[in-house]
N, C-alpha and C. Protein backbone atom coordinates (compact mmCIF):
# COMPACT_ATOMS: atom_id res chain seq x y z
N VAL A 1 58.17 -78.68 -4.00
CA VAL A 1 58.41 -79.93 -3.17
C VAL A 1 57.29 -80.93 -3.64
N THR A 2 57.74 -82.12 -3.64
CA THR A 2 56.60 -83.01 -3.81
C THR A 2 55.99 -83.40 -2.51
N PRO A 3 54.75 -83.51 -2.38
CA PRO A 3 54.17 -83.83 -1.14
C PRO A 3 54.16 -85.19 -0.85
N PHE A 4 54.45 -85.88 0.62
CA PHE A 4 54.33 -87.00 0.83
C PHE A 4 52.75 -87.61 0.66
N PRO A 5 52.87 -88.80 0.06
CA PRO A 5 51.26 -89.53 -0.23
C PRO A 5 50.71 -89.53 1.27
N SER A 6 49.16 -89.50 1.03
CA SER A 6 48.54 -89.69 2.24
C SER A 6 48.38 -91.27 2.45
N ARG A 7 48.13 -91.66 3.68
CA ARG A 7 48.03 -93.05 3.94
C ARG A 7 47.05 -93.76 2.98
N GLN A 8 46.00 -93.29 2.52
CA GLN A 8 45.26 -93.93 1.40
C GLN A 8 46.03 -94.11 0.33
N GLU A 9 46.69 -93.08 -0.31
CA GLU A 9 47.51 -93.04 -1.56
C GLU A 9 48.48 -94.07 -1.55
N ALA A 10 49.43 -94.16 -0.38
CA ALA A 10 50.20 -95.17 -0.30
C ALA A 10 49.90 -96.43 -0.21
N VAL A 11 48.80 -96.65 0.41
CA VAL A 11 48.09 -98.25 0.31
C VAL A 11 47.65 -98.52 -1.07
N ALA A 12 46.88 -97.58 -1.68
CA ALA A 12 46.54 -97.67 -2.94
C ALA A 12 47.56 -98.01 -3.99
N ASP A 13 48.69 -97.06 -3.94
CA ASP A 13 49.94 -97.11 -4.89
C ASP A 13 50.50 -98.77 -4.64
N ALA A 14 50.65 -99.03 -3.38
CA ALA A 14 51.20 -100.38 -3.01
C ALA A 14 50.50 -101.64 -3.61
N LEU A 15 49.21 -101.49 -3.39
CA LEU A 15 48.33 -102.51 -3.81
C LEU A 15 48.31 -102.48 -5.49
N ARG A 16 48.08 -101.31 -6.03
CA ARG A 16 48.23 -101.34 -7.34
C ARG A 16 49.39 -101.83 -8.13
N VAL A 17 50.70 -101.57 -7.51
CA VAL A 17 51.69 -102.23 -7.93
C VAL A 17 51.76 -103.74 -7.79
N ASP A 18 51.33 -104.28 -6.75
CA ASP A 18 51.03 -105.89 -6.50
C ASP A 18 50.12 -106.27 -7.33
N ILE A 19 49.02 -105.78 -7.90
CA ILE A 19 48.27 -106.36 -8.98
C ILE A 19 48.89 -106.05 -10.28
N LEU A 20 49.61 -105.04 -10.56
CA LEU A 20 49.94 -104.68 -12.06
C LEU A 20 51.06 -105.80 -12.18
N ARG A 21 52.04 -106.31 -11.26
CA ARG A 21 52.86 -107.08 -11.34
C ARG A 21 52.84 -108.73 -11.00
N GLY A 22 51.34 -108.89 -10.86
CA GLY A 22 50.98 -110.24 -10.90
C GLY A 22 51.24 -110.67 -9.47
N ARG A 23 51.80 -110.07 -8.32
CA ARG A 23 51.80 -110.76 -7.05
C ARG A 23 50.74 -110.80 -6.54
N LEU A 24 49.46 -110.00 -6.81
CA LEU A 24 48.17 -110.22 -6.48
C LEU A 24 47.09 -110.63 -7.65
N GLY A 25 47.07 -111.96 -7.82
CA GLY A 25 46.33 -112.32 -9.07
C GLY A 25 44.95 -111.99 -9.16
N ALA A 26 44.40 -112.08 -10.28
CA ALA A 26 42.96 -112.20 -10.51
C ALA A 26 42.26 -113.14 -9.62
N GLY A 27 41.31 -112.79 -9.01
CA GLY A 27 40.52 -113.43 -7.99
C GLY A 27 40.99 -113.64 -6.62
N THR A 28 42.13 -112.91 -6.27
CA THR A 28 42.87 -112.86 -4.98
C THR A 28 41.81 -112.16 -4.08
N ARG A 29 41.53 -112.97 -2.78
CA ARG A 29 40.81 -111.97 -1.80
C ARG A 29 41.69 -111.06 -1.17
N LEU A 30 41.19 -110.14 -0.86
CA LEU A 30 41.89 -109.10 -0.02
C LEU A 30 41.48 -108.69 1.35
N ASP A 31 42.13 -109.02 2.40
CA ASP A 31 41.69 -108.87 3.82
C ASP A 31 41.94 -107.46 4.22
N ILE A 32 40.93 -106.64 4.57
CA ILE A 32 41.42 -105.35 4.84
C ILE A 32 42.20 -105.34 6.25
N ASP A 33 42.02 -106.08 7.13
CA ASP A 33 42.73 -106.13 8.49
C ASP A 33 44.19 -106.41 8.26
N GLU A 34 44.32 -107.42 7.39
CA GLU A 34 45.72 -107.99 6.99
C GLU A 34 46.64 -106.90 6.23
N ILE A 35 45.88 -106.18 5.42
CA ILE A 35 46.44 -105.03 4.71
C ILE A 35 46.89 -104.05 5.45
N ALA A 36 45.95 -103.46 6.65
CA ALA A 36 46.18 -102.59 7.55
C ALA A 36 47.35 -102.72 8.23
N ALA A 37 47.44 -104.14 8.86
CA ALA A 37 48.56 -104.44 9.60
C ALA A 37 49.89 -104.62 8.90
N ARG A 38 49.81 -104.89 7.48
CA ARG A 38 51.05 -104.89 6.69
C ARG A 38 51.58 -103.45 6.60
N HIS A 39 50.58 -102.52 6.40
CA HIS A 39 51.18 -101.07 6.15
C HIS A 39 51.08 -100.34 7.40
N GLY A 40 50.76 -100.90 8.60
CA GLY A 40 50.75 -99.95 9.70
C GLY A 40 49.81 -98.81 9.82
N VAL A 41 48.55 -98.97 9.46
CA VAL A 41 47.52 -98.19 9.26
C VAL A 41 46.27 -98.70 9.88
N SER A 42 45.46 -97.73 9.97
CA SER A 42 44.00 -98.31 10.63
C SER A 42 43.34 -98.90 9.17
N ARG A 43 41.99 -99.28 9.57
CA ARG A 43 41.14 -99.92 8.57
C ARG A 43 40.85 -98.83 7.52
N THR A 44 40.52 -97.31 8.07
CA THR A 44 39.80 -96.56 7.21
C THR A 44 40.60 -96.19 5.88
N PRO A 45 42.07 -95.81 5.91
CA PRO A 45 42.76 -95.54 4.79
C PRO A 45 42.63 -96.75 3.89
N VAL A 46 42.61 -98.06 4.38
CA VAL A 46 42.66 -99.15 3.58
C VAL A 46 41.28 -99.50 2.73
N ARG A 47 40.13 -99.05 3.59
CA ARG A 47 38.76 -98.89 2.77
C ARG A 47 38.83 -98.02 1.88
N ASP A 48 39.28 -96.62 1.90
CA ASP A 48 39.45 -95.61 1.05
C ASP A 48 40.23 -96.00 -0.15
N ALA A 49 41.34 -96.80 0.22
CA ALA A 49 42.33 -97.11 -1.04
C ALA A 49 41.51 -98.18 -2.02
N LEU A 50 40.71 -99.27 -1.31
CA LEU A 50 40.08 -100.15 -2.08
C LEU A 50 39.04 -99.64 -2.95
N LYS A 51 38.35 -98.29 -2.19
CA LYS A 51 37.11 -97.78 -3.04
C LYS A 51 38.15 -97.18 -4.22
N GLN A 52 39.15 -96.69 -4.11
CA GLN A 52 39.81 -95.91 -5.16
C GLN A 52 40.12 -97.01 -6.25
N LEU A 53 40.74 -98.24 -5.85
CA LEU A 53 41.05 -99.41 -6.81
C LEU A 53 39.67 -99.89 -7.49
N GLU A 54 38.68 -99.94 -6.83
CA GLU A 54 37.45 -100.16 -7.41
C GLU A 54 37.02 -99.43 -8.60
N ALA A 55 37.18 -98.01 -8.18
CA ALA A 55 36.79 -97.08 -9.44
C ALA A 55 37.70 -97.21 -10.57
N GLU A 56 38.99 -97.70 -10.28
CA GLU A 56 39.75 -97.93 -11.48
C GLU A 56 39.45 -99.20 -12.14
N GLY A 57 38.57 -100.15 -11.54
CA GLY A 57 38.42 -101.50 -12.17
C GLY A 57 39.29 -102.62 -11.63
N LEU A 58 40.37 -102.30 -10.76
CA LEU A 58 41.23 -103.17 -10.36
C LEU A 58 40.83 -104.14 -9.28
N VAL A 59 39.77 -103.75 -8.54
CA VAL A 59 39.23 -104.78 -7.51
C VAL A 59 37.53 -104.48 -7.61
N GLN A 60 37.07 -105.55 -7.06
CA GLN A 60 35.44 -105.43 -7.05
C GLN A 60 35.17 -105.80 -5.61
N VAL A 61 34.12 -105.20 -5.09
CA VAL A 61 33.40 -105.84 -3.95
C VAL A 61 32.29 -106.69 -4.05
N LEU A 62 32.43 -107.76 -3.62
CA LEU A 62 31.37 -108.83 -3.91
C LEU A 62 30.54 -109.35 -2.70
N PRO A 63 29.23 -109.27 -2.92
CA PRO A 63 28.37 -109.72 -1.49
C PRO A 63 28.74 -111.00 -0.77
N TYR A 64 28.90 -110.84 0.33
CA TYR A 64 29.05 -112.03 1.29
C TYR A 64 30.55 -112.74 0.90
N ARG A 65 31.36 -112.09 0.04
CA ARG A 65 32.84 -112.49 -0.45
C ARG A 65 33.91 -111.56 -0.04
N GLY A 66 33.36 -110.22 0.32
CA GLY A 66 34.38 -109.26 0.29
C GLY A 66 35.14 -108.71 -0.90
N VAL A 67 36.41 -108.42 -0.71
CA VAL A 67 36.94 -107.53 -1.91
C VAL A 67 37.88 -108.51 -2.66
N GLU A 68 37.86 -108.71 -4.04
CA GLU A 68 38.67 -109.47 -4.88
C GLU A 68 39.38 -108.65 -5.83
N VAL A 69 40.53 -109.13 -6.32
CA VAL A 69 41.09 -108.57 -7.47
C VAL A 69 40.39 -108.94 -8.71
N THR A 70 39.97 -108.12 -9.74
CA THR A 70 38.94 -108.44 -10.56
C THR A 70 39.73 -109.23 -11.61
N SER A 71 38.77 -110.23 -12.14
CA SER A 71 39.05 -110.83 -13.21
C SER A 71 38.58 -110.49 -14.41
N LEU A 72 39.36 -110.49 -15.62
CA LEU A 72 39.12 -109.95 -16.90
C LEU A 72 38.65 -110.92 -17.86
N SER A 73 37.44 -111.03 -18.47
CA SER A 73 37.40 -112.09 -19.42
C SER A 73 37.67 -111.45 -20.85
N ASP A 74 37.74 -112.01 -21.86
CA ASP A 74 37.99 -111.44 -23.36
C ASP A 74 37.04 -110.22 -23.41
N ASP A 75 35.90 -110.60 -23.24
CA ASP A 75 34.97 -109.58 -23.61
C ASP A 75 35.28 -108.32 -22.97
N ASP A 76 35.73 -108.49 -21.63
CA ASP A 76 36.11 -107.11 -20.71
C ASP A 76 37.20 -106.59 -21.48
N LEU A 77 38.27 -107.31 -21.81
CA LEU A 77 39.45 -106.87 -22.37
C LEU A 77 39.27 -106.33 -23.54
N ARG A 78 38.39 -106.91 -24.35
CA ARG A 78 37.86 -106.01 -25.72
C ARG A 78 37.11 -104.52 -25.67
N GLU A 79 36.41 -104.58 -24.46
CA GLU A 79 35.80 -103.40 -24.19
C GLU A 79 36.80 -102.27 -23.65
N LEU A 80 37.46 -102.67 -22.63
CA LEU A 80 38.43 -101.99 -22.15
C LEU A 80 39.41 -101.33 -23.50
N PHE A 81 39.95 -102.11 -24.30
CA PHE A 81 40.83 -101.83 -25.45
C PHE A 81 40.01 -100.74 -26.33
N ALA A 82 38.83 -101.07 -26.65
CA ALA A 82 37.76 -100.16 -27.38
C ALA A 82 37.79 -98.71 -26.69
N ILE A 83 37.65 -98.72 -25.73
CA ILE A 83 37.49 -97.57 -24.90
C ILE A 83 39.03 -96.78 -24.79
N ARG A 84 40.16 -97.44 -24.43
CA ARG A 84 41.43 -96.94 -24.62
C ARG A 84 41.51 -96.67 -25.89
N ILE A 85 41.32 -97.21 -27.08
CA ILE A 85 41.63 -96.91 -28.45
C ILE A 85 40.92 -95.52 -28.82
N ALA A 86 39.95 -95.31 -28.24
CA ALA A 86 39.04 -93.92 -28.47
C ALA A 86 39.70 -92.89 -27.70
N LEU A 87 40.31 -93.17 -26.52
CA LEU A 87 41.01 -92.16 -25.87
C LEU A 87 42.41 -91.95 -26.39
N GLU A 88 43.01 -92.84 -26.83
CA GLU A 88 44.54 -92.67 -27.27
C GLU A 88 44.49 -91.96 -28.63
N ARG A 89 43.51 -92.42 -29.54
CA ARG A 89 43.05 -91.54 -30.77
C ARG A 89 43.09 -90.03 -30.65
N LEU A 90 42.32 -89.70 -29.54
CA LEU A 90 42.34 -88.16 -29.29
C LEU A 90 43.48 -87.89 -28.69
N ALA A 91 44.33 -88.48 -27.98
CA ALA A 91 45.77 -88.04 -27.48
C ALA A 91 46.62 -87.82 -28.38
N VAL A 92 46.87 -88.91 -29.37
CA VAL A 92 47.82 -88.80 -30.40
C VAL A 92 47.56 -87.55 -31.39
N ALA A 93 46.30 -87.36 -31.67
CA ALA A 93 46.05 -86.24 -32.61
C ALA A 93 46.22 -85.02 -31.72
N GLN A 94 45.69 -84.77 -30.68
CA GLN A 94 45.94 -83.43 -30.02
C GLN A 94 47.82 -83.54 -29.95
N ALA A 95 48.37 -84.46 -29.58
CA ALA A 95 49.89 -84.37 -29.29
C ALA A 95 50.45 -83.94 -30.63
N ALA A 96 49.83 -84.51 -31.69
CA ALA A 96 50.47 -83.98 -33.23
C ALA A 96 50.29 -82.46 -33.32
N LEU A 97 49.50 -82.10 -32.74
CA LEU A 97 49.19 -80.66 -33.09
C LEU A 97 50.06 -79.75 -32.26
N CYS A 98 50.44 -80.10 -31.15
CA CYS A 98 51.10 -79.17 -30.31
C CYS A 98 52.52 -79.66 -29.63
N ILE A 99 52.99 -80.89 -30.01
CA ILE A 99 54.12 -81.41 -29.40
C ILE A 99 55.47 -80.50 -29.93
N THR A 100 56.33 -80.45 -28.98
CA THR A 100 57.25 -79.52 -29.12
C THR A 100 58.79 -80.30 -29.71
N GLU A 101 59.70 -79.57 -30.39
CA GLU A 101 60.97 -80.34 -30.49
C GLU A 101 61.81 -81.04 -29.51
N ALA A 102 61.63 -80.23 -28.28
CA ALA A 102 62.01 -80.87 -27.17
C ALA A 102 61.46 -82.15 -26.76
N GLU A 103 60.04 -82.24 -26.67
CA GLU A 103 59.31 -83.42 -26.57
C GLU A 103 59.62 -84.55 -27.68
N LEU A 104 59.78 -84.03 -28.63
CA LEU A 104 60.02 -85.09 -29.82
C LEU A 104 61.44 -85.69 -29.42
N ASP A 105 62.45 -84.77 -28.90
CA ASP A 105 63.95 -85.36 -28.76
C ASP A 105 63.89 -86.33 -27.60
N GLY A 106 62.98 -86.13 -26.72
CA GLY A 106 62.83 -87.07 -25.58
C GLY A 106 62.16 -88.45 -26.00
N LEU A 107 61.25 -88.30 -26.77
CA LEU A 107 60.69 -89.49 -27.37
C LEU A 107 61.65 -90.29 -28.23
N ARG A 108 62.50 -89.67 -28.96
CA ARG A 108 63.39 -90.43 -29.89
C ARG A 108 64.54 -91.03 -28.99
N ARG A 109 64.97 -90.49 -27.80
CA ARG A 109 65.80 -91.04 -26.90
C ARG A 109 65.49 -92.25 -26.19
N VAL A 110 64.00 -92.25 -26.06
CA VAL A 110 63.43 -93.34 -25.41
C VAL A 110 63.52 -94.46 -26.37
N LEU A 111 63.06 -94.37 -27.64
CA LEU A 111 62.86 -95.19 -28.65
C LEU A 111 64.54 -95.87 -28.85
N GLN A 112 65.34 -94.93 -28.98
CA GLN A 112 66.80 -95.41 -29.32
C GLN A 112 67.07 -96.45 -28.27
N ARG A 113 66.81 -96.28 -26.98
CA ARG A 113 67.22 -97.07 -25.73
C ARG A 113 66.42 -98.37 -26.06
N MET A 114 65.15 -98.31 -26.41
CA MET A 114 64.37 -99.72 -26.50
C MET A 114 65.07 -100.34 -27.76
N ASP A 115 65.53 -99.70 -28.84
CA ASP A 115 66.12 -100.42 -29.99
C ASP A 115 67.22 -101.36 -29.33
N ARG A 116 68.06 -100.92 -28.36
CA ARG A 116 69.10 -101.74 -27.96
C ARG A 116 68.76 -102.96 -26.96
N LEU A 117 67.34 -103.10 -26.72
CA LEU A 117 66.86 -104.32 -25.99
C LEU A 117 66.30 -105.24 -26.75
N LYS A 118 66.60 -106.59 -26.68
CA LYS A 118 66.49 -107.57 -27.22
C LYS A 118 65.22 -108.35 -27.06
N SER A 119 64.65 -108.09 -25.98
CA SER A 119 63.34 -108.83 -25.20
C SER A 119 62.60 -107.86 -24.37
N ARG A 120 61.17 -108.38 -24.54
CA ARG A 120 60.29 -107.64 -23.96
C ARG A 120 60.58 -107.76 -22.18
N ASP A 121 61.63 -107.27 -21.72
CA ASP A 121 61.73 -107.57 -20.40
C ASP A 121 61.28 -106.28 -19.51
N ARG A 122 61.47 -106.47 -18.03
CA ARG A 122 61.06 -105.12 -17.52
C ARG A 122 61.50 -103.87 -17.83
N SER A 123 62.78 -103.70 -18.42
CA SER A 123 63.32 -102.52 -18.93
C SER A 123 62.58 -102.03 -20.27
N TRP A 124 62.21 -102.90 -20.96
CA TRP A 124 61.44 -102.76 -22.15
C TRP A 124 59.99 -102.08 -21.90
N ILE A 125 59.37 -102.74 -20.87
CA ILE A 125 57.99 -102.46 -20.66
C ILE A 125 58.13 -100.86 -19.97
N THR A 126 59.12 -100.70 -19.18
CA THR A 126 59.29 -99.39 -18.39
C THR A 126 59.42 -98.41 -19.42
N LEU A 127 60.37 -98.42 -20.44
CA LEU A 127 60.45 -97.59 -21.64
C LEU A 127 59.40 -97.42 -22.61
N ASN A 128 58.53 -98.62 -22.71
CA ASN A 128 57.44 -98.53 -23.39
C ASN A 128 56.52 -97.57 -22.85
N ILE A 129 56.19 -97.74 -21.27
CA ILE A 129 55.07 -96.79 -20.80
C ILE A 129 55.91 -95.37 -20.82
N ALA A 130 56.97 -95.13 -20.60
CA ALA A 130 57.75 -93.61 -20.76
C ALA A 130 57.52 -93.16 -22.04
N PHE A 131 57.58 -93.98 -23.27
CA PHE A 131 57.05 -93.55 -24.39
C PHE A 131 55.64 -92.80 -24.58
N HIS A 132 54.78 -93.76 -24.26
CA HIS A 132 53.42 -93.39 -24.20
C HIS A 132 52.91 -92.27 -23.43
N ASP A 133 53.59 -92.35 -22.19
CA ASP A 133 53.46 -91.32 -21.36
C ASP A 133 53.86 -89.71 -21.97
N GLY A 134 55.03 -89.92 -22.51
CA GLY A 134 55.54 -88.71 -23.27
C GLY A 134 54.45 -88.16 -24.15
N ILE A 135 53.81 -88.99 -25.00
CA ILE A 135 53.22 -88.69 -25.92
C ILE A 135 51.73 -87.97 -25.06
N HIS A 136 51.26 -88.51 -24.11
CA HIS A 136 50.38 -88.07 -23.45
C HIS A 136 50.44 -86.84 -22.88
N ALA A 137 51.71 -86.56 -22.21
CA ALA A 137 52.05 -85.41 -21.66
C ALA A 137 51.92 -84.20 -22.58
N ALA A 138 52.21 -84.41 -23.86
CA ALA A 138 52.31 -83.44 -24.97
C ALA A 138 50.90 -82.87 -25.31
N THR A 139 49.90 -83.69 -24.89
CA THR A 139 48.47 -83.13 -25.10
C THR A 139 48.17 -81.90 -24.42
N ARG A 140 48.87 -81.74 -23.16
CA ARG A 140 48.51 -80.74 -22.23
C ARG A 140 47.10 -80.87 -21.56
N TRP A 141 46.65 -82.02 -21.65
CA TRP A 141 45.31 -82.14 -21.14
C TRP A 141 45.30 -83.18 -20.14
N PRO A 142 45.29 -82.78 -18.88
CA PRO A 142 45.57 -83.70 -17.55
C PRO A 142 44.25 -84.72 -17.57
N ARG A 143 43.05 -84.11 -17.76
CA ARG A 143 41.69 -85.19 -17.53
C ARG A 143 41.97 -86.46 -18.48
N LEU A 144 42.32 -86.17 -19.46
CA LEU A 144 42.45 -87.08 -20.57
C LEU A 144 43.64 -88.08 -20.21
N ILE A 145 44.70 -87.31 -19.70
CA ILE A 145 45.74 -88.27 -19.37
C ILE A 145 45.34 -89.25 -18.16
N GLU A 146 44.69 -88.73 -17.19
CA GLU A 146 44.08 -89.56 -16.21
C GLU A 146 43.34 -90.81 -16.47
N MET A 147 42.31 -90.57 -17.72
CA MET A 147 41.47 -91.24 -18.14
C MET A 147 42.11 -92.53 -18.76
N ILE A 148 43.30 -92.12 -19.42
CA ILE A 148 44.09 -93.17 -20.11
C ILE A 148 44.78 -93.90 -19.29
N ARG A 149 45.39 -93.38 -18.22
CA ARG A 149 46.03 -94.07 -17.12
C ARG A 149 45.10 -95.24 -16.53
N ILE A 150 43.99 -94.76 -16.07
CA ILE A 150 43.10 -95.88 -15.48
C ILE A 150 42.89 -97.02 -16.59
N GLN A 151 42.50 -96.80 -17.64
CA GLN A 151 42.23 -97.83 -18.69
C GLN A 151 43.43 -98.61 -18.73
N ARG A 152 44.64 -98.19 -19.05
CA ARG A 152 45.97 -98.90 -19.36
C ARG A 152 46.22 -99.56 -17.90
N THR A 153 46.13 -99.26 -16.90
CA THR A 153 46.49 -100.01 -15.69
C THR A 153 45.77 -101.10 -15.56
N ASN A 154 44.37 -101.21 -16.00
CA ASN A 154 43.46 -102.25 -15.69
C ASN A 154 43.95 -103.31 -16.68
N VAL A 155 44.52 -103.20 -17.81
CA VAL A 155 44.93 -104.31 -18.82
C VAL A 155 46.46 -104.38 -18.65
N GLU A 156 47.08 -103.51 -18.11
CA GLU A 156 48.66 -103.77 -17.98
C GLU A 156 49.06 -105.00 -17.37
N ARG A 157 48.31 -105.61 -16.26
CA ARG A 157 48.73 -106.68 -15.77
C ARG A 157 48.60 -107.93 -16.61
N TYR A 158 47.75 -107.95 -17.63
CA TYR A 158 47.34 -109.12 -18.62
C TYR A 158 48.74 -108.89 -19.52
N VAL A 159 48.95 -107.64 -20.11
CA VAL A 159 49.95 -107.41 -20.99
C VAL A 159 51.37 -108.16 -20.28
N ARG A 160 51.60 -107.66 -19.15
CA ARG A 160 52.90 -108.16 -18.52
C ARG A 160 53.03 -109.62 -18.45
N ALA A 161 51.90 -110.32 -18.11
CA ALA A 161 51.78 -111.66 -17.92
C ALA A 161 52.06 -112.42 -19.09
N ARG A 162 51.74 -111.86 -20.18
CA ARG A 162 52.06 -112.60 -21.57
C ARG A 162 53.21 -111.57 -22.47
N ALA A 163 54.05 -111.04 -21.83
CA ALA A 163 55.12 -110.13 -22.29
C ALA A 163 55.73 -110.97 -23.35
N ALA A 164 56.31 -112.03 -23.10
CA ALA A 164 57.18 -113.10 -23.98
C ALA A 164 56.52 -113.16 -25.12
N GLU A 165 55.45 -113.61 -25.21
CA GLU A 165 54.41 -113.90 -26.50
C GLU A 165 54.24 -112.70 -27.44
N LEU A 166 54.07 -111.68 -26.84
CA LEU A 166 53.91 -110.51 -27.51
C LEU A 166 55.14 -109.85 -28.33
N GLY A 167 56.49 -110.15 -27.89
CA GLY A 167 57.50 -109.85 -28.60
C GLY A 167 57.56 -108.20 -28.66
N THR A 168 58.58 -107.72 -29.59
CA THR A 168 58.97 -106.28 -29.46
C THR A 168 58.98 -105.69 -31.00
N ALA A 169 59.31 -106.56 -32.03
CA ALA A 169 59.70 -106.05 -33.46
C ALA A 169 58.62 -105.29 -34.02
N ARG A 170 57.46 -105.79 -34.02
CA ARG A 170 56.55 -105.20 -34.75
C ARG A 170 56.01 -103.78 -33.92
N GLN A 171 55.76 -104.11 -32.78
CA GLN A 171 55.59 -102.83 -31.83
C GLN A 171 56.51 -101.89 -31.89
N GLN A 172 57.75 -102.14 -32.05
CA GLN A 172 58.79 -101.00 -32.11
C GLN A 172 58.75 -100.39 -33.32
N ALA A 173 58.61 -101.34 -34.59
CA ALA A 173 58.32 -100.60 -35.85
C ALA A 173 57.16 -99.50 -35.70
N GLU A 174 56.06 -99.75 -35.05
CA GLU A 174 54.86 -99.05 -34.97
C GLU A 174 55.56 -97.84 -34.04
N HIS A 175 56.02 -98.12 -33.07
CA HIS A 175 56.42 -96.72 -32.21
C HIS A 175 57.12 -95.88 -33.01
N TRP A 176 58.12 -96.41 -33.87
CA TRP A 176 58.77 -95.35 -34.67
C TRP A 176 57.90 -94.62 -36.05
N ALA A 177 56.91 -95.32 -36.29
CA ALA A 177 55.96 -94.83 -37.33
C ALA A 177 55.27 -93.83 -36.63
N LEU A 178 54.92 -94.02 -35.37
CA LEU A 178 53.93 -93.17 -34.51
C LEU A 178 54.92 -91.75 -34.35
N PHE A 179 56.09 -92.12 -33.85
CA PHE A 179 56.99 -90.84 -33.54
C PHE A 179 57.07 -90.06 -34.97
N GLU A 180 57.19 -90.76 -36.13
CA GLU A 180 57.51 -89.90 -37.43
C GLU A 180 56.14 -89.19 -37.86
N ALA A 181 55.17 -89.88 -37.58
CA ALA A 181 53.56 -89.20 -37.80
C ALA A 181 53.54 -87.92 -36.61
N LEU A 182 54.20 -87.97 -35.46
CA LEU A 182 54.08 -86.77 -34.66
C LEU A 182 54.97 -85.64 -35.01
N ALA A 183 56.14 -86.16 -35.44
CA ALA A 183 57.25 -85.13 -35.90
C ALA A 183 56.63 -84.41 -37.06
N ARG A 184 55.81 -85.04 -37.88
CA ARG A 184 55.21 -84.56 -39.20
C ARG A 184 53.98 -83.44 -38.76
N HIS A 185 53.62 -83.63 -37.58
CA HIS A 185 52.38 -83.00 -37.19
C HIS A 185 51.27 -83.40 -37.85
N ASP A 186 51.26 -84.81 -38.18
CA ASP A 186 50.16 -85.62 -39.01
C ASP A 186 49.12 -86.34 -38.06
N PRO A 187 47.95 -85.38 -37.44
CA PRO A 187 47.23 -86.18 -36.52
C PRO A 187 46.42 -87.39 -37.23
N GLU A 188 46.01 -87.37 -38.36
CA GLU A 188 45.21 -88.32 -39.22
C GLU A 188 46.15 -89.68 -39.19
N ALA A 189 47.62 -89.60 -39.55
CA ALA A 189 48.45 -90.69 -39.60
C ALA A 189 48.58 -91.44 -38.12
N ALA A 190 48.83 -90.39 -37.07
CA ALA A 190 48.91 -90.77 -35.80
C ALA A 190 47.69 -91.43 -35.07
N GLU A 191 46.59 -91.29 -35.49
CA GLU A 191 45.41 -91.85 -35.06
C GLU A 191 45.45 -93.43 -35.78
N ARG A 192 45.47 -93.36 -36.87
CA ARG A 192 45.83 -94.76 -37.73
C ARG A 192 46.80 -95.73 -37.00
N ILE A 193 47.84 -95.40 -36.84
CA ILE A 193 48.75 -95.87 -36.11
C ILE A 193 48.60 -96.34 -34.82
N ILE A 194 48.19 -95.64 -33.89
CA ILE A 194 47.77 -95.97 -32.50
C ILE A 194 46.72 -96.96 -32.56
N THR A 195 45.63 -96.92 -33.47
CA THR A 195 44.72 -97.84 -33.46
C THR A 195 45.30 -99.34 -33.74
N SER A 196 45.97 -99.56 -34.90
CA SER A 196 46.62 -100.63 -35.20
C SER A 196 47.37 -101.22 -34.16
N HIS A 197 48.23 -100.22 -33.48
CA HIS A 197 49.24 -100.57 -32.28
C HIS A 197 48.43 -101.29 -31.15
N LEU A 198 47.21 -100.81 -30.95
CA LEU A 198 46.82 -101.32 -29.77
C LEU A 198 45.77 -102.50 -30.10
N ARG A 199 45.03 -102.39 -31.22
CA ARG A 199 44.39 -103.62 -31.61
C ARG A 199 45.27 -104.97 -31.81
N GLN A 200 46.65 -104.68 -32.10
CA GLN A 200 47.57 -105.99 -32.18
C GLN A 200 47.78 -106.28 -30.69
N THR A 201 47.78 -105.50 -29.83
CA THR A 201 47.98 -105.96 -28.52
C THR A 201 46.77 -106.84 -27.99
N MET A 202 45.36 -106.06 -28.34
CA MET A 202 44.27 -106.79 -27.87
C MET A 202 44.11 -108.01 -28.60
N ASP A 203 44.27 -108.25 -29.78
CA ASP A 203 44.32 -109.33 -30.48
C ASP A 203 45.10 -110.49 -29.94
N ALA A 204 46.19 -110.27 -29.40
CA ALA A 204 47.29 -111.17 -28.97
C ALA A 204 46.72 -111.45 -27.57
N LEU A 205 46.04 -110.76 -26.89
CA LEU A 205 45.63 -110.87 -25.44
C LEU A 205 44.26 -111.98 -25.39
N CYS A 206 43.41 -111.78 -26.46
CA CYS A 206 42.15 -112.16 -26.50
C CYS A 206 42.02 -113.45 -27.59
N SER A 207 41.14 -114.45 -27.14
CA SER A 207 41.03 -115.32 -28.17
C SER A 207 40.10 -114.84 -29.40
N PRO A 208 39.87 -115.36 -30.40
CA PRO A 208 39.06 -114.75 -31.40
C PRO A 208 37.70 -114.60 -30.97
N PRO A 209 36.89 -113.75 -31.41
CA PRO A 209 35.37 -113.66 -30.89
C PRO A 209 34.44 -114.78 -31.65
N GLU A 210 33.58 -115.33 -30.82
CA GLU A 210 32.89 -116.52 -31.28
C GLU A 210 32.11 -115.97 -32.40
N THR A 211 31.71 -116.75 -33.45
CA THR A 211 30.76 -116.18 -34.42
C THR A 211 29.80 -117.45 -34.74
N GLY A 212 28.47 -117.11 -35.08
CA GLY A 212 27.65 -118.08 -35.56
C GLY A 212 27.10 -118.92 -34.28
N THR A 213 27.18 -118.70 -33.04
CA THR A 213 26.63 -119.46 -32.01
C THR A 213 26.14 -118.33 -31.01
N SER A 214 25.41 -118.83 -30.23
CA SER A 214 24.72 -118.07 -29.02
C SER A 214 25.29 -118.53 -27.67
N ARG A 215 25.16 -117.62 -26.84
CA ARG A 215 25.77 -118.15 -25.42
C ARG A 215 24.52 -118.23 -24.68
């Protein structure tokens, strides 16, 4: 039986979804009393939820200004992607060693459904997350899975905001290449593919780094 979420978890989940889907944009002020009233809870679970989201990098507490949804600069995004690439390389290498035929069948079905979609809409994004979640689950390493979830959530709102620009063709080709590497139980190939896959997204979101000038 799945336990009901605590008040803190329910508020954190709702705010996280609002941030992820762009309903609460970067720089938006968050009023504790307003959030408490909207969710029918006291201030305490709201404060605890905001602390949780602060630990995930989604909100920040600013002196004399209260709580805001974090804004990520290009440098921030590059740092987060560098961390995520390191974690994802570890994940796909581990998954390649222990993924089962049943898990591979599940990933194949997800990719086949993605092949039938023509644009990077909400359905494609949901299936994309399911594909990567399936790989992470195959690691059997819950701590690593949670670390990746936090890093991905922080940048996903920027990915969603520019979904149309990112397209699907190249990413889907890399998904299938990654699937084949996992099916061959080839950790080195899986690491190379996930690195290219994530760097492509990072480069699409960030302007080219400045060279030859000082800030």
